[in-house]
Amino acid sequence: MGDFLLRRWWLVVVRGVAAILFGIVSLAWPGITVLALVLVFGVYAFIDGLVAVAVALADKVVPSADRWMTGLLGVVSLAAGIVAVTLPEITALTLLYVIAAWSVVAGVLQIVVAWRLRKVLAREWLLFVSGGLSLALGLALFISPGEGAIALIVTIAAFALLWGIVLTLVGIRLRTIGKRRAAEAELAEGTTAAL
């Protein structure tokens, strides 16, 4: 999975930027109606899901277990996005539970992916933070469902911003590591050819 993400680092950055934009839109209009929040969340989750599924399908060389985890995260995001967009009249409480469930599943899957990548990305705590933030948000939303729509929006927006920043930083780090590995491989290839 490490080589796969090193080659597809920009997809991680796209997911991060989408989360940041979702967070900014949600914070810019904290009085946003529940219907608008549902639609904004639905669009974000749908885009996030499409990118994750694209990552899973993009490279057949990667072991199927690694692609399966990424694809599962994408399918969960796609499902949450579709539910939010096709059923925008759902109540704030229902929306909260949809977002909470998505956040818990996404958090657990990201922690599993981070654990699997720990040998490739030494000291890479950002992936664990991303999964932990998602899991914490989902659990907090399940525990305190009656906090009100504005608190929900601000909480979700803050999470989206943090998660987006983490994903963007991870994508940039993957790009740097990929370039370094390519340079090392090129140097090794040149040394072998010279011998």
N, C-alpha and C. Protein backbone atom coordinates (compact mmCIF):
# COMPACT_ATOMS: atom_id res chain seq x y z
N MET A 1 0.82 -1.19 0.00
CA MET A 1 0.00 0.00 0.00
C MET A 1 0.86 1.25 0.00
N GLY A 2 2.05 1.19 0.61
CA GLY A 2 2.91 2.35 0.67
C GLY A 2 3.29 2.87 -0.70
N ASP A 3 3.75 1.97 -1.59
CA ASP A 3 4.12 2.39 -2.94
C ASP A 3 2.91 2.94 -3.69
N PHE A 4 1.78 2.32 -3.47
CA PHE A 4 0.54 2.77 -4.10
C PHE A 4 0.24 4.22 -3.71
N LEU A 5 0.28 4.53 -2.41
CA LEU A 5 -0.01 5.89 -1.95
C LEU A 5 1.10 6.87 -2.35
N LEU A 6 2.33 6.39 -2.43
CA LEU A 6 3.41 7.27 -2.87
C LEU A 6 3.18 7.73 -4.30
N ARG A 7 2.67 6.84 -5.15
CA ARG A 7 2.39 7.21 -6.54
C ARG A 7 1.11 8.02 -6.67
N ARG A 8 0.16 7.83 -5.76
CA ARG A 8 -1.15 8.51 -5.84
C ARG A 8 -1.31 9.54 -4.71
N TRP A 9 -0.23 10.17 -4.31
CA TRP A 9 -0.24 11.14 -3.21
C TRP A 9 -1.25 12.25 -3.44
N TRP A 10 -1.43 12.66 -4.68
CA TRP A 10 -2.31 13.77 -4.99
C TRP A 10 -3.77 13.46 -4.67
N LEU A 11 -4.17 12.18 -4.69
CA LEU A 11 -5.54 11.84 -4.32
C LEU A 11 -5.79 12.08 -2.83
N VAL A 12 -4.77 11.86 -2.01
CA VAL A 12 -4.88 12.15 -0.58
C VAL A 12 -5.03 13.66 -0.39
N VAL A 13 -4.27 14.45 -1.15
CA VAL A 13 -4.36 15.91 -1.07
C VAL A 13 -5.75 16.37 -1.51
N VAL A 14 -6.31 15.79 -2.57
CA VAL A 14 -7.66 16.16 -3.02
C VAL A 14 -8.68 15.92 -1.91
N ARG A 15 -8.58 14.78 -1.24
CA ARG A 15 -9.49 14.50 -0.12
C ARG A 15 -9.32 15.53 0.99
N GLY A 16 -8.09 15.90 1.27
CA GLY A 16 -7.83 16.90 2.31
C GLY A 16 -8.40 18.26 1.95
N VAL A 17 -8.20 18.68 0.71
CA VAL A 17 -8.72 19.98 0.27
C VAL A 17 -10.25 19.98 0.30
N ALA A 18 -10.87 18.89 -0.10
CA ALA A 18 -12.34 18.81 -0.05
C ALA A 18 -12.83 18.95 1.39
N ALA A 19 -12.15 18.31 2.34
CA ALA A 19 -12.54 18.42 3.75
C ALA A 19 -12.35 19.85 4.25
N ILE A 20 -11.25 20.49 3.87
CA ILE A 20 -11.00 21.88 4.28
C ILE A 20 -12.09 22.79 3.73
N LEU A 21 -12.44 22.63 2.46
CA LEU A 21 -13.51 23.46 1.88
C LEU A 21 -14.84 23.25 2.58
N PHE A 22 -15.16 22.00 2.89
CA PHE A 22 -16.39 21.70 3.63
C PHE A 22 -16.37 22.40 4.98
N GLY A 23 -15.24 22.35 5.68
CA GLY A 23 -15.13 23.00 6.98
C GLY A 23 -15.27 24.50 6.89
N ILE A 24 -14.64 25.10 5.89
CA ILE A 24 -14.73 26.56 5.71
C ILE A 24 -16.15 26.98 5.42
N VAL A 25 -16.82 26.28 4.50
CA VAL A 25 -18.21 26.62 4.17
C VAL A 25 -19.09 26.50 5.39
N SER A 26 -18.91 25.44 6.17
CA SER A 26 -19.73 25.24 7.37
C SER A 26 -19.46 26.29 8.43
N LEU A 27 -18.20 26.71 8.61
CA LEU A 27 -17.89 27.75 9.59
C LEU A 27 -18.30 29.13 9.12
N ALA A 28 -18.23 29.37 7.82
CA ALA A 28 -18.58 30.68 7.28
C ALA A 28 -20.06 30.98 7.48
N TRP A 29 -20.89 29.96 7.47
CA TRP A 29 -22.33 30.13 7.65
C TRP A 29 -22.82 29.22 8.77
N PRO A 30 -22.48 29.57 10.03
CA PRO A 30 -22.89 28.68 11.13
C PRO A 30 -24.41 28.63 11.31
N GLY A 31 -25.13 29.60 10.81
CA GLY A 31 -26.58 29.60 10.91
C GLY A 31 -27.22 28.86 9.74
N ILE A 32 -26.42 28.12 9.03
CA ILE A 32 -26.89 27.39 7.85
C ILE A 32 -28.04 26.46 8.25
N THR A 33 -29.01 26.32 7.40
CA THR A 33 -30.13 25.45 7.73
C THR A 33 -29.69 24.00 7.71
N VAL A 34 -30.47 23.18 8.38
CA VAL A 34 -30.16 21.76 8.42
C VAL A 34 -30.17 21.18 7.01
N LEU A 35 -31.12 21.61 6.18
CA LEU A 35 -31.20 21.12 4.81
C LEU A 35 -29.91 21.45 4.06
N ALA A 36 -29.42 22.68 4.20
CA ALA A 36 -28.19 23.07 3.51
C ALA A 36 -27.00 22.27 4.06
N LEU A 37 -26.97 22.04 5.38
CA LEU A 37 -25.89 21.24 5.96
C LEU A 37 -25.91 19.82 5.41
N VAL A 38 -27.10 19.26 5.31
CA VAL A 38 -27.23 17.91 4.75
C VAL A 38 -26.65 17.87 3.34
N LEU A 39 -27.01 18.86 2.52
CA LEU A 39 -26.54 18.87 1.13
C LEU A 39 -25.03 19.10 1.05
N VAL A 40 -24.50 20.03 1.86
CA VAL A 40 -23.05 20.28 1.85
C VAL A 40 -22.31 19.03 2.30
N PHE A 41 -22.77 18.41 3.39
CA PHE A 41 -22.13 17.18 3.85
C PHE A 41 -22.23 16.10 2.79
N GLY A 42 -23.40 15.96 2.16
CA GLY A 42 -23.60 14.93 1.14
C GLY A 42 -22.63 15.07 -0.02
N VAL A 43 -22.44 16.31 -0.48
CA VAL A 43 -21.52 16.56 -1.59
C VAL A 43 -20.09 16.22 -1.17
N TYR A 44 -19.71 16.67 0.04
CA TYR A 44 -18.36 16.37 0.53
C TYR A 44 -18.14 14.86 0.64
N ALA A 45 -19.06 14.16 1.30
CA ALA A 45 -18.89 12.71 1.50
C ALA A 45 -18.85 11.98 0.15
N PHE A 46 -19.65 12.43 -0.80
CA PHE A 46 -19.68 11.80 -2.12
C PHE A 46 -18.33 11.98 -2.82
N ILE A 47 -17.79 13.22 -2.80
CA ILE A 47 -16.48 13.47 -3.43
C ILE A 47 -15.39 12.66 -2.74
N ASP A 48 -15.41 12.65 -1.40
CA ASP A 48 -14.43 11.89 -0.63
C ASP A 48 -14.52 10.40 -1.00
N GLY A 49 -15.73 9.89 -1.11
CA GLY A 49 -15.93 8.49 -1.47
C GLY A 49 -15.44 8.17 -2.88
N LEU A 50 -15.75 9.04 -3.83
CA LEU A 50 -15.29 8.82 -5.21
C LEU A 50 -13.76 8.76 -5.28
N VAL A 51 -13.11 9.68 -4.58
CA VAL A 51 -11.64 9.70 -4.60
C VAL A 51 -11.09 8.43 -3.97
N ALA A 52 -11.66 8.01 -2.84
CA ALA A 52 -11.16 6.80 -2.18
C ALA A 52 -11.37 5.56 -3.06
N VAL A 53 -12.52 5.46 -3.72
CA VAL A 53 -12.77 4.33 -4.62
C VAL A 53 -11.80 4.39 -5.81
N ALA A 54 -11.56 5.59 -6.33
CA ALA A 54 -10.60 5.74 -7.43
C ALA A 54 -9.21 5.29 -7.01
N VAL A 55 -8.83 5.63 -5.78
CA VAL A 55 -7.53 5.18 -5.26
C VAL A 55 -7.48 3.66 -5.22
N ALA A 56 -8.57 3.05 -4.75
CA ALA A 56 -8.61 1.58 -4.62
C ALA A 56 -8.57 0.89 -5.98
N LEU A 57 -9.16 1.49 -6.99
CA LEU A 57 -9.23 0.86 -8.30
C LEU A 57 -8.08 1.24 -9.23
N ALA A 58 -7.29 2.24 -8.85
CA ALA A 58 -6.30 2.82 -9.76
C ALA A 58 -5.10 1.92 -10.04
N ASP A 59 -4.72 1.09 -9.11
CA ASP A 59 -3.48 0.36 -9.29
C ASP A 59 -3.67 -1.11 -8.92
N LYS A 60 -3.70 -1.97 -9.89
CA LYS A 60 -3.93 -3.40 -9.67
C LYS A 60 -2.71 -4.12 -9.10
N VAL A 61 -1.55 -3.44 -9.06
CA VAL A 61 -0.33 -4.05 -8.55
C VAL A 61 -0.37 -4.15 -7.02
N VAL A 62 -1.09 -3.22 -6.39
CA VAL A 62 -1.16 -3.18 -4.93
C VAL A 62 -1.92 -4.40 -4.42
N PRO A 63 -1.50 -5.00 -3.30
CA PRO A 63 -2.22 -6.16 -2.76
C PRO A 63 -3.69 -5.85 -2.55
N SER A 64 -4.54 -6.84 -2.81
CA SER A 64 -5.98 -6.62 -2.78
C SER A 64 -6.48 -6.24 -1.39
N ALA A 65 -5.83 -6.68 -0.32
CA ALA A 65 -6.27 -6.32 1.03
C ALA A 65 -6.15 -4.82 1.26
N ASP A 66 -5.08 -4.22 0.75
CA ASP A 66 -4.88 -2.78 0.91
C ASP A 66 -5.89 -2.00 0.08
N ARG A 67 -6.13 -2.45 -1.14
CA ARG A 67 -7.13 -1.78 -1.97
C ARG A 67 -8.51 -1.95 -1.38
N TRP A 68 -8.77 -3.11 -0.79
CA TRP A 68 -10.07 -3.39 -0.18
C TRP A 68 -10.38 -2.41 0.94
N MET A 69 -9.39 -2.12 1.80
CA MET A 69 -9.59 -1.18 2.91
C MET A 69 -9.90 0.22 2.38
N THR A 70 -9.14 0.67 1.42
CA THR A 70 -9.37 1.99 0.85
C THR A 70 -10.72 2.04 0.14
N GLY A 71 -11.03 0.99 -0.60
CA GLY A 71 -12.32 0.92 -1.29
C GLY A 71 -13.49 0.90 -0.33
N LEU A 72 -13.35 0.19 0.78
CA LEU A 72 -14.42 0.14 1.79
C LEU A 72 -14.67 1.52 2.37
N LEU A 73 -13.61 2.25 2.67
CA LEU A 73 -13.76 3.61 3.17
C LEU A 73 -14.49 4.46 2.14
N GLY A 74 -14.15 4.29 0.88
CA GLY A 74 -14.81 5.04 -0.19
C GLY A 74 -16.28 4.69 -0.32
N VAL A 75 -16.60 3.42 -0.21
CA VAL A 75 -18.00 2.99 -0.31
C VAL A 75 -18.82 3.55 0.86
N VAL A 76 -18.25 3.55 2.06
CA VAL A 76 -18.94 4.12 3.22
C VAL A 76 -19.21 5.60 3.00
N SER A 77 -18.21 6.32 2.50
CA SER A 77 -18.38 7.76 2.23
C SER A 77 -19.41 7.99 1.13
N LEU A 78 -19.33 7.19 0.07
CA LEU A 78 -20.32 7.32 -1.01
C LEU A 78 -21.73 7.08 -0.49
N ALA A 79 -21.90 6.04 0.32
CA ALA A 79 -23.23 5.73 0.86
C ALA A 79 -23.74 6.87 1.73
N ALA A 80 -22.89 7.41 2.59
CA ALA A 80 -23.31 8.54 3.44
C ALA A 80 -23.68 9.74 2.59
N GLY A 81 -22.90 10.01 1.56
CA GLY A 81 -23.19 11.13 0.67
C GLY A 81 -24.49 10.95 -0.09
N ILE A 82 -24.71 9.75 -0.58
CA ILE A 82 -25.95 9.48 -1.32
C ILE A 82 -27.17 9.60 -0.42
N VAL A 83 -27.07 9.06 0.80
CA VAL A 83 -28.19 9.17 1.75
C VAL A 83 -28.48 10.64 2.04
N ALA A 84 -27.44 11.42 2.28
CA ALA A 84 -27.64 12.83 2.62
C ALA A 84 -28.22 13.62 1.45
N VAL A 85 -27.79 13.34 0.23
CA VAL A 85 -28.27 14.10 -0.93
C VAL A 85 -29.66 13.64 -1.37
N THR A 86 -29.93 12.35 -1.33
CA THR A 86 -31.23 11.85 -1.82
C THR A 86 -32.34 11.99 -0.78
N LEU A 87 -31.97 12.13 0.50
CA LEU A 87 -32.98 12.30 1.55
C LEU A 87 -32.70 13.58 2.34
N PRO A 88 -32.69 14.75 1.66
CA PRO A 88 -32.31 15.98 2.35
C PRO A 88 -33.32 16.44 3.41
N GLU A 89 -34.48 15.88 3.38
CA GLU A 89 -35.49 16.29 4.35
C GLU A 89 -35.35 15.59 5.70
N ILE A 90 -34.30 14.78 5.86
CA ILE A 90 -34.13 14.09 7.13
C ILE A 90 -33.91 15.10 8.25
N THR A 91 -34.26 14.73 9.44
CA THR A 91 -34.14 15.65 10.57
C THR A 91 -32.70 15.81 11.01
N ALA A 92 -32.48 16.83 11.84
CA ALA A 92 -31.12 17.09 12.33
C ALA A 92 -30.59 15.89 13.11
N LEU A 93 -31.45 15.24 13.89
CA LEU A 93 -31.00 14.10 14.68
C LEU A 93 -30.59 12.93 13.78
N THR A 94 -31.37 12.69 12.73
CA THR A 94 -31.03 11.63 11.80
C THR A 94 -29.71 11.95 11.10
N LEU A 95 -29.56 13.22 10.69
CA LEU A 95 -28.32 13.64 10.05
C LEU A 95 -27.15 13.41 11.01
N LEU A 96 -27.34 13.76 12.25
CA LEU A 96 -26.29 13.58 13.23
C LEU A 96 -25.86 12.12 13.30
N TYR A 97 -26.82 11.21 13.31
CA TYR A 97 -26.48 9.79 13.39
C TYR A 97 -25.83 9.29 12.10
N VAL A 98 -26.24 9.81 10.96
CA VAL A 98 -25.59 9.43 9.70
C VAL A 98 -24.13 9.88 9.72
N ILE A 99 -23.91 11.13 10.11
CA ILE A 99 -22.55 11.66 10.17
C ILE A 99 -21.73 10.92 11.22
N ALA A 100 -22.34 10.65 12.37
CA ALA A 100 -21.63 9.94 13.45
C ALA A 100 -21.22 8.54 13.00
N ALA A 101 -22.13 7.82 12.36
CA ALA A 101 -21.82 6.46 11.90
C ALA A 101 -20.71 6.49 10.85
N TRP A 102 -20.82 7.41 9.91
CA TRP A 102 -19.79 7.55 8.88
C TRP A 102 -18.44 7.87 9.52
N SER A 103 -18.45 8.78 10.49
CA SER A 103 -17.22 9.21 11.14
C SER A 103 -16.55 8.07 11.92
N VAL A 104 -17.35 7.27 12.62
CA VAL A 104 -16.80 6.14 13.38
C VAL A 104 -16.19 5.11 12.43
N VAL A 105 -16.93 4.72 11.40
CA VAL A 105 -16.43 3.72 10.44
C VAL A 105 -15.18 4.25 9.74
N ALA A 106 -15.23 5.50 9.28
CA ALA A 106 -14.08 6.09 8.59
C ALA A 106 -12.87 6.16 9.52
N GLY A 107 -13.10 6.52 10.78
CA GLY A 107 -12.00 6.60 11.74
C GLY A 107 -11.34 5.27 11.99
N VAL A 108 -12.16 4.24 12.20
CA VAL A 108 -11.61 2.90 12.43
C VAL A 108 -10.82 2.43 11.21
N LEU A 109 -11.39 2.62 10.02
CA LEU A 109 -10.69 2.18 8.81
C LEU A 109 -9.39 2.95 8.61
N GLN A 110 -9.39 4.23 8.91
CA GLN A 110 -8.15 5.01 8.74
C GLN A 110 -7.09 4.58 9.75
N ILE A 111 -7.50 4.25 10.97
CA ILE A 111 -6.53 3.77 11.95
C ILE A 111 -5.93 2.44 11.49
N VAL A 112 -6.75 1.56 10.92
CA VAL A 112 -6.25 0.29 10.40
C VAL A 112 -5.27 0.53 9.26
N VAL A 113 -5.61 1.44 8.34
CA VAL A 113 -4.71 1.76 7.23
C VAL A 113 -3.42 2.36 7.77
N ALA A 114 -3.51 3.25 8.75
CA ALA A 114 -2.32 3.85 9.35
C ALA A 114 -1.42 2.79 9.97
N TRP A 115 -2.04 1.83 10.65
CA TRP A 115 -1.27 0.75 11.27
C TRP A 115 -0.52 -0.06 10.21
N ARG A 116 -1.22 -0.31 9.09
CA ARG A 116 -0.60 -1.10 8.02
C ARG A 116 0.54 -0.33 7.35
N LEU A 117 0.47 1.00 7.34
CA LEU A 117 1.49 1.82 6.67
C LEU A 117 2.63 2.24 7.59
N ARG A 118 2.57 1.88 8.86
CA ARG A 118 3.56 2.37 9.82
C ARG A 118 4.98 1.98 9.45
N LYS A 119 5.18 0.88 8.74
CA LYS A 119 6.53 0.46 8.36
C LYS A 119 7.04 1.23 7.15
N VAL A 120 6.11 1.68 6.31
CA VAL A 120 6.48 2.44 5.12
C VAL A 120 6.75 3.89 5.48
N LEU A 121 5.90 4.46 6.31
CA LEU A 121 6.02 5.86 6.70
C LEU A 121 6.44 5.92 8.17
N ALA A 122 7.72 5.73 8.42
CA ALA A 122 8.23 5.71 9.80
C ALA A 122 7.86 6.98 10.53
N ARG A 123 7.43 6.84 11.77
CA ARG A 123 7.03 7.94 12.63
C ARG A 123 5.90 8.76 12.02
N GLU A 124 5.06 8.14 11.25
CA GLU A 124 3.97 8.86 10.58
C GLU A 124 2.73 8.86 11.47
N TRP A 125 2.68 9.78 12.41
CA TRP A 125 1.58 9.87 13.36
C TRP A 125 0.38 10.60 12.79
N LEU A 126 0.55 11.33 11.69
CA LEU A 126 -0.56 12.10 11.13
C LEU A 126 -1.72 11.21 10.69
N LEU A 127 -1.41 10.02 10.16
CA LEU A 127 -2.48 9.12 9.74
C LEU A 127 -3.28 8.63 10.95
N PHE A 128 -2.60 8.35 12.03
CA PHE A 128 -3.30 7.94 13.26
C PHE A 128 -4.16 9.08 13.79
N VAL A 129 -3.63 10.31 13.74
CA VAL A 129 -4.39 11.48 14.20
C VAL A 129 -5.66 11.65 13.37
N SER A 130 -5.54 11.50 12.06
CA SER A 130 -6.71 11.62 11.18
C SER A 130 -7.80 10.62 11.56
N GLY A 131 -7.43 9.37 11.72
CA GLY A 131 -8.40 8.35 12.12
C GLY A 131 -8.94 8.58 13.51
N GLY A 132 -8.07 9.00 14.43
CA GLY A 132 -8.50 9.27 15.79
C GLY A 132 -9.48 10.43 15.87
N LEU A 133 -9.22 11.50 15.09
CA LEU A 133 -10.15 12.63 15.06
C LEU A 133 -11.51 12.21 14.53
N SER A 134 -11.51 11.43 13.47
CA SER A 134 -12.77 10.97 12.91
C SER A 134 -13.53 10.10 13.90
N LEU A 135 -12.85 9.17 14.54
CA LEU A 135 -13.47 8.29 15.52
C LEU A 135 -14.00 9.10 16.70
N ALA A 136 -13.21 10.04 17.20
CA ALA A 136 -13.63 10.87 18.34
C ALA A 136 -14.86 11.70 18.01
N LEU A 137 -14.90 12.27 16.81
CA LEU A 137 -16.08 13.05 16.41
C LEU A 137 -17.32 12.17 16.38
N GLY A 138 -17.21 11.00 15.77
CA GLY A 138 -18.36 10.10 15.69
C GLY A 138 -18.87 9.69 17.06
N LEU A 139 -17.95 9.34 17.95
CA LEU A 139 -18.36 8.94 19.30
C LEU A 139 -18.98 10.11 20.05
N ALA A 140 -18.40 11.31 19.91
CA ALA A 140 -18.96 12.49 20.58
C ALA A 140 -20.37 12.79 20.09
N LEU A 141 -20.60 12.63 18.80
CA LEU A 141 -21.93 12.88 18.25
C LEU A 141 -22.93 11.83 18.72
N PHE A 142 -22.51 10.59 18.87
CA PHE A 142 -23.41 9.56 19.40
C PHE A 142 -23.73 9.81 20.87
N ILE A 143 -22.74 10.24 21.64
CA ILE A 143 -22.91 10.43 23.08
C ILE A 143 -23.79 11.65 23.39
N SER A 144 -23.62 12.74 22.64
CA SER A 144 -24.36 13.98 22.92
C SER A 144 -25.17 14.42 21.71
N PRO A 145 -26.25 13.71 21.38
CA PRO A 145 -27.01 14.05 20.17
C PRO A 145 -27.87 15.30 20.31
N GLY A 146 -28.12 15.77 21.50
CA GLY A 146 -29.05 16.89 21.64
C GLY A 146 -28.38 18.24 21.80
N GLU A 147 -27.20 18.43 21.30
CA GLU A 147 -26.47 19.69 21.49
C GLU A 147 -26.94 20.83 20.60
N GLY A 148 -27.77 20.57 19.63
CA GLY A 148 -28.27 21.64 18.78
C GLY A 148 -27.56 21.71 17.44
N ALA A 149 -28.25 22.28 16.47
CA ALA A 149 -27.75 22.31 15.09
C ALA A 149 -26.50 23.16 14.95
N ILE A 150 -26.43 24.31 15.62
CA ILE A 150 -25.25 25.17 15.48
C ILE A 150 -24.01 24.48 16.05
N ALA A 151 -24.16 23.88 17.23
CA ALA A 151 -23.03 23.16 17.82
C ALA A 151 -22.59 22.01 16.92
N LEU A 152 -23.56 21.34 16.33
CA LEU A 152 -23.26 20.25 15.40
C LEU A 152 -22.46 20.77 14.21
N ILE A 153 -22.91 21.86 13.65
CA ILE A 153 -22.23 22.43 12.48
C ILE A 153 -20.81 22.84 12.82
N VAL A 154 -20.63 23.54 13.94
CA VAL A 154 -19.29 24.00 14.33
C VAL A 154 -18.38 22.81 14.62
N THR A 155 -18.90 21.80 15.29
CA THR A 155 -18.11 20.61 15.60
C THR A 155 -17.68 19.91 14.32
N ILE A 156 -18.62 19.71 13.43
CA ILE A 156 -18.31 19.03 12.17
C ILE A 156 -17.35 19.86 11.33
N ALA A 157 -17.55 21.18 11.30
CA ALA A 157 -16.68 22.05 10.52
C ALA A 157 -15.25 22.02 11.07
N ALA A 158 -15.13 22.09 12.40
CA ALA A 158 -13.79 22.05 13.01
C ALA A 158 -13.11 20.72 12.70
N PHE A 159 -13.86 19.63 12.83
CA PHE A 159 -13.30 18.32 12.49
C PHE A 159 -12.85 18.29 11.03
N ALA A 160 -13.72 18.77 10.13
CA ALA A 160 -13.39 18.73 8.70
C ALA A 160 -12.12 19.52 8.42
N LEU A 161 -11.98 20.68 9.05
CA LEU A 161 -10.76 21.47 8.85
C LEU A 161 -9.53 20.72 9.33
N LEU A 162 -9.59 20.18 10.55
CA LEU A 162 -8.45 19.44 11.09
C LEU A 162 -8.13 18.21 10.24
N TRP A 163 -9.17 17.46 9.89
CA TRP A 163 -8.97 16.27 9.09
C TRP A 163 -8.40 16.62 7.72
N GLY A 164 -8.93 17.68 7.11
CA GLY A 164 -8.44 18.11 5.81
C GLY A 164 -6.98 18.53 5.85
N ILE A 165 -6.60 19.26 6.91
CA ILE A 165 -5.21 19.68 7.06
C ILE A 165 -4.31 18.46 7.22
N VAL A 166 -4.74 17.51 8.05
CA VAL A 166 -3.94 16.29 8.26
C VAL A 166 -3.78 15.53 6.95
N LEU A 167 -4.88 15.32 6.22
CA LEU A 167 -4.80 14.59 4.95
C LEU A 167 -3.91 15.31 3.94
N THR A 168 -4.02 16.63 3.88
CA THR A 168 -3.19 17.39 2.95
C THR A 168 -1.71 17.26 3.31
N LEU A 169 -1.39 17.36 4.60
CA LEU A 169 0.00 17.19 5.04
C LEU A 169 0.52 15.79 4.75
N VAL A 170 -0.33 14.78 4.96
CA VAL A 170 0.07 13.40 4.65
C VAL A 170 0.34 13.27 3.15
N GLY A 171 -0.53 13.83 2.31
CA GLY A 171 -0.33 13.77 0.86
C GLY A 171 0.96 14.42 0.43
N ILE A 172 1.26 15.58 1.01
CA ILE A 172 2.51 16.28 0.69
C ILE A 172 3.71 15.46 1.15
N ARG A 173 3.59 14.87 2.32
CA ARG A 173 4.70 14.03 2.83
C ARG A 173 4.90 12.81 1.93
N LEU A 174 3.80 12.20 1.48
CA LEU A 174 3.91 11.07 0.56
C LEU A 174 4.63 11.47 -0.72
N ARG A 175 4.32 12.66 -1.22
CA ARG A 175 4.97 13.15 -2.44
C ARG A 175 6.48 13.29 -2.22
N THR A 176 6.86 13.87 -1.08
CA THR A 176 8.28 14.05 -0.76
C THR A 176 9.00 12.71 -0.66
N ILE A 177 8.38 11.76 0.03
CA ILE A 177 8.98 10.43 0.17
C ILE A 177 9.09 9.75 -1.19
N GLY A 178 8.06 9.88 -2.01
CA GLY A 178 8.09 9.29 -3.35
C GLY A 178 9.20 9.85 -4.21
N LYS A 179 9.39 11.17 -4.15
CA LYS A 179 10.47 11.79 -4.92
C LYS A 179 11.83 11.32 -4.43
N ARG A 180 11.98 11.23 -3.09
CA ARG A 180 13.25 10.79 -2.52
C ARG A 180 13.54 9.35 -2.95
N ARG A 181 12.54 8.48 -2.89
CA ARG A 181 12.75 7.08 -3.29
C ARG A 181 13.08 6.97 -4.77
N ALA A 182 12.43 7.79 -5.60
CA ALA A 182 12.71 7.76 -7.04
C ALA A 182 14.15 8.20 -7.30
N ALA A 183 14.61 9.24 -6.57
CA ALA A 183 15.98 9.71 -6.74
C ALA A 183 16.98 8.66 -6.27
N GLU A 184 16.68 7.98 -5.17
CA GLU A 184 17.55 6.92 -4.67
C GLU A 184 17.61 5.76 -5.66
N ALA A 185 16.48 5.40 -6.24
CA ALA A 185 16.45 4.31 -7.21
C ALA A 185 17.23 4.68 -8.46
N GLU A 186 17.10 5.94 -8.88
CA GLU A 186 17.82 6.41 -10.07
C GLU A 186 19.33 6.39 -9.81
N LEU A 187 19.73 6.81 -8.62
CA LEU A 187 21.14 6.81 -8.24
C LEU A 187 21.67 5.38 -8.19
N ALA A 188 20.91 4.47 -7.59
CA ALA A 188 21.33 3.07 -7.51
C ALA A 188 21.44 2.45 -8.89
N GLU A 189 20.51 2.80 -9.77
CA GLU A 189 20.51 2.28 -11.14
C GLU A 189 21.74 2.80 -11.90
N GLY A 190 22.08 4.07 -11.68
CA GLY A 190 23.26 4.66 -12.33
C GLY A 190 24.54 4.04 -11.82
N THR A 191 24.60 3.73 -10.52
CA THR A 191 25.78 3.11 -9.93
C THR A 191 25.94 1.69 -10.47
N THR A 192 24.83 0.96 -10.59
CA THR A 192 24.88 -0.40 -11.11
C THR A 192 25.32 -0.39 -12.56
N ALA A 193 24.83 0.56 -13.36
CA ALA A 193 25.20 0.65 -14.77
C ALA A 193 26.68 0.99 -14.93
N ALA A 194 27.21 1.79 -14.00
CA ALA A 194 28.63 2.18 -14.09
C ALA A 194 29.56 1.03 -13.77
N LEU A 195 29.06 0.09 -12.96
CA LEU A 195 29.91 -1.06 -12.61
C LEU A 195 29.93 -2.01 -13.77
